């Protein structure tokens, strides 16, 4: 179950990074960070992260 959520989190993080103008590498790092957080979590919901944590705030 956590594998599919991790994939979803990776996709969401990468998409968010690209949406906010990050390079593909930077966006994939965001996706990887979110995915690893999901895998490490014992909860049934994804951990919450604020946009400023990843410097993806709209300018």
C-alpha atoms as a PDB file:
ATOM      1  CA  UNK A   1       0.000   0.000   0.000  1.00  0.00           C
ATOM      2  CA  UNK A   2       2.743   2.491   0.855  1.00  0.00           C
ATOM      3  CA  UNK A   3       4.424   1.875  -2.522  1.00  0.00           C
ATOM      4  CA  UNK A   4       1.472   3.256  -4.467  1.00  0.00           C
ATOM      5  CA  UNK A   5       1.209   6.222  -2.096  1.00  0.00           C
ATOM      6  CA  UNK A   6       4.936   6.831  -2.471  1.00  0.00           C
ATOM      7  CA  UNK A   7       4.566   6.856  -6.243  1.00  0.00           C
ATOM      8  CA  UNK A   8       1.683   9.289  -5.971  1.00  0.00           C
ATOM      9  CA  UNK A   9       3.728  11.510  -3.648  1.00  0.00           C
ATOM     10  CA  UNK A  10       6.712  11.417  -6.013  1.00  0.00           C
ATOM     11  CA  UNK A  11       4.512  12.389  -8.953  1.00  0.00           C
ATOM     12  CA  UNK A  12       2.823  15.160  -6.976  1.00  0.00           C
ATOM     13  CA  UNK A  13       6.102  16.585  -5.692  1.00  0.00           C
ATOM     14  CA  UNK A  14       7.723  16.492  -9.119  1.00  0.00           C
ATOM     15  CA  UNK A  15       4.671  18.083 -10.727  1.00  0.00           C
ATOM     16  CA  UNK A  16       4.550  20.812  -8.088  1.00  0.00           C
ATOM     17  CA  UNK A  17       8.223  21.584  -8.572  1.00  0.00           C
ATOM     18  CA  UNK A  18       7.816  21.868 -12.342  1.00  0.00           C
ATOM     19  CA  UNK A  19       4.682  23.968 -11.955  1.00  0.00           C
ATOM     20  CA  UNK A  20       6.607  26.447  -9.837  1.00  0.00           C
ATOM     21  CA  UNK A  21       9.502  26.725 -12.289  1.00  0.00           C
ATOM     22  CA  UNK A  22      12.036  24.305 -10.816  1.00  0.00           C
ATOM     23  CA  UNK A  23      14.365  22.371 -13.102  1.00  0.00           C
ATOM     24  CA  UNK A  24      13.583  18.698 -13.697  1.00  0.00           C
ATOM     25  CA  UNK A  25      16.366  17.690 -11.296  1.00  0.00           C
ATOM     26  CA  UNK A  26      15.120  20.036  -8.554  1.00  0.00           C
ATOM     27  CA  UNK A  27      11.525  18.889  -9.097  1.00  0.00           C
ATOM     28  CA  UNK A  28      12.527  15.226  -8.874  1.00  0.00           C
ATOM     29  CA  UNK A  29      14.405  15.925  -5.628  1.00  0.00           C
ATOM     30  CA  UNK A  30      11.187  17.365  -4.198  1.00  0.00           C
ATOM     31  CA  UNK A  31       9.281  14.307  -5.410  1.00  0.00           C
ATOM     32  CA  UNK A  32      11.872  11.971  -3.888  1.00  0.00           C
ATOM     33  CA  UNK A  33      11.730  13.772  -0.555  1.00  0.00           C
ATOM     34  CA  UNK A  34       7.940  13.499  -0.434  1.00  0.00           C
ATOM     35  CA  UNK A  35       8.004   9.839  -1.468  1.00  0.00           C
ATOM     36  CA  UNK A  36      10.575   8.937   1.181  1.00  0.00           C
ATOM     37  CA  UNK A  37       8.477  10.695   3.809  1.00  0.00           C
ATOM     38  CA  UNK A  38       5.468   8.593   2.852  1.00  0.00           C
ATOM     39  CA  UNK A  39       7.481   5.374   3.054  1.00  0.00           C
ATOM     40  CA  UNK A  40       8.878   6.331   6.477  1.00  0.00           C
ATOM     41  CA  UNK A  41       5.459   7.293   7.864  1.00  0.00           C
ATOM     42  CA  UNK A  42       3.333   4.870   9.884  1.00  0.00           C
ATOM     43  CA  UNK A  43       0.246   6.986   9.266  1.00  0.00           C
ATOM     44  CA  UNK A  44      -2.405   6.293   6.642  1.00  0.00           C
ATOM     45  CA  UNK A  45      -2.179   9.839   5.316  1.00  0.00           C
ATOM     46  CA  UNK A  46       0.682  11.624   3.606  1.00  0.00           C
ATOM     47  CA  UNK A  47       2.681  13.989   5.796  1.00  0.00           C
ATOM     48  CA  UNK A  48       1.937  17.670   5.236  1.00  0.00           C
ATOM     49  CA  UNK A  49       4.627  19.936   3.844  1.00  0.00           C
ATOM     50  CA  UNK A  50       4.413  23.643   3.269  1.00  0.00           C
ATOM     51  CA  UNK A  51       5.458  25.140  -0.054  1.00  0.00           C
ATOM     52  CA  UNK A  52       8.159  27.244   1.558  1.00  0.00           C
ATOM     53  CA  UNK A  53       9.925  24.080   2.793  1.00  0.00           C
ATOM     54  CA  UNK A  54      10.821  23.374  -0.838  1.00  0.00           C
ATOM     55  CA  UNK A  55      11.134  26.992  -1.966  1.00  0.00           C
ATOM     56  CA  UNK A  56       8.229  26.606  -4.391  1.00  0.00           C
ATOM     57  CA  UNK A  57       6.288  29.685  -3.340  1.00  0.00           C
ATOM     58  CA  UNK A  58       4.692  31.645  -6.181  1.00  0.00           C
ATOM     59  CA  UNK A  59       6.552  34.828  -6.968  1.00  0.00           C
END
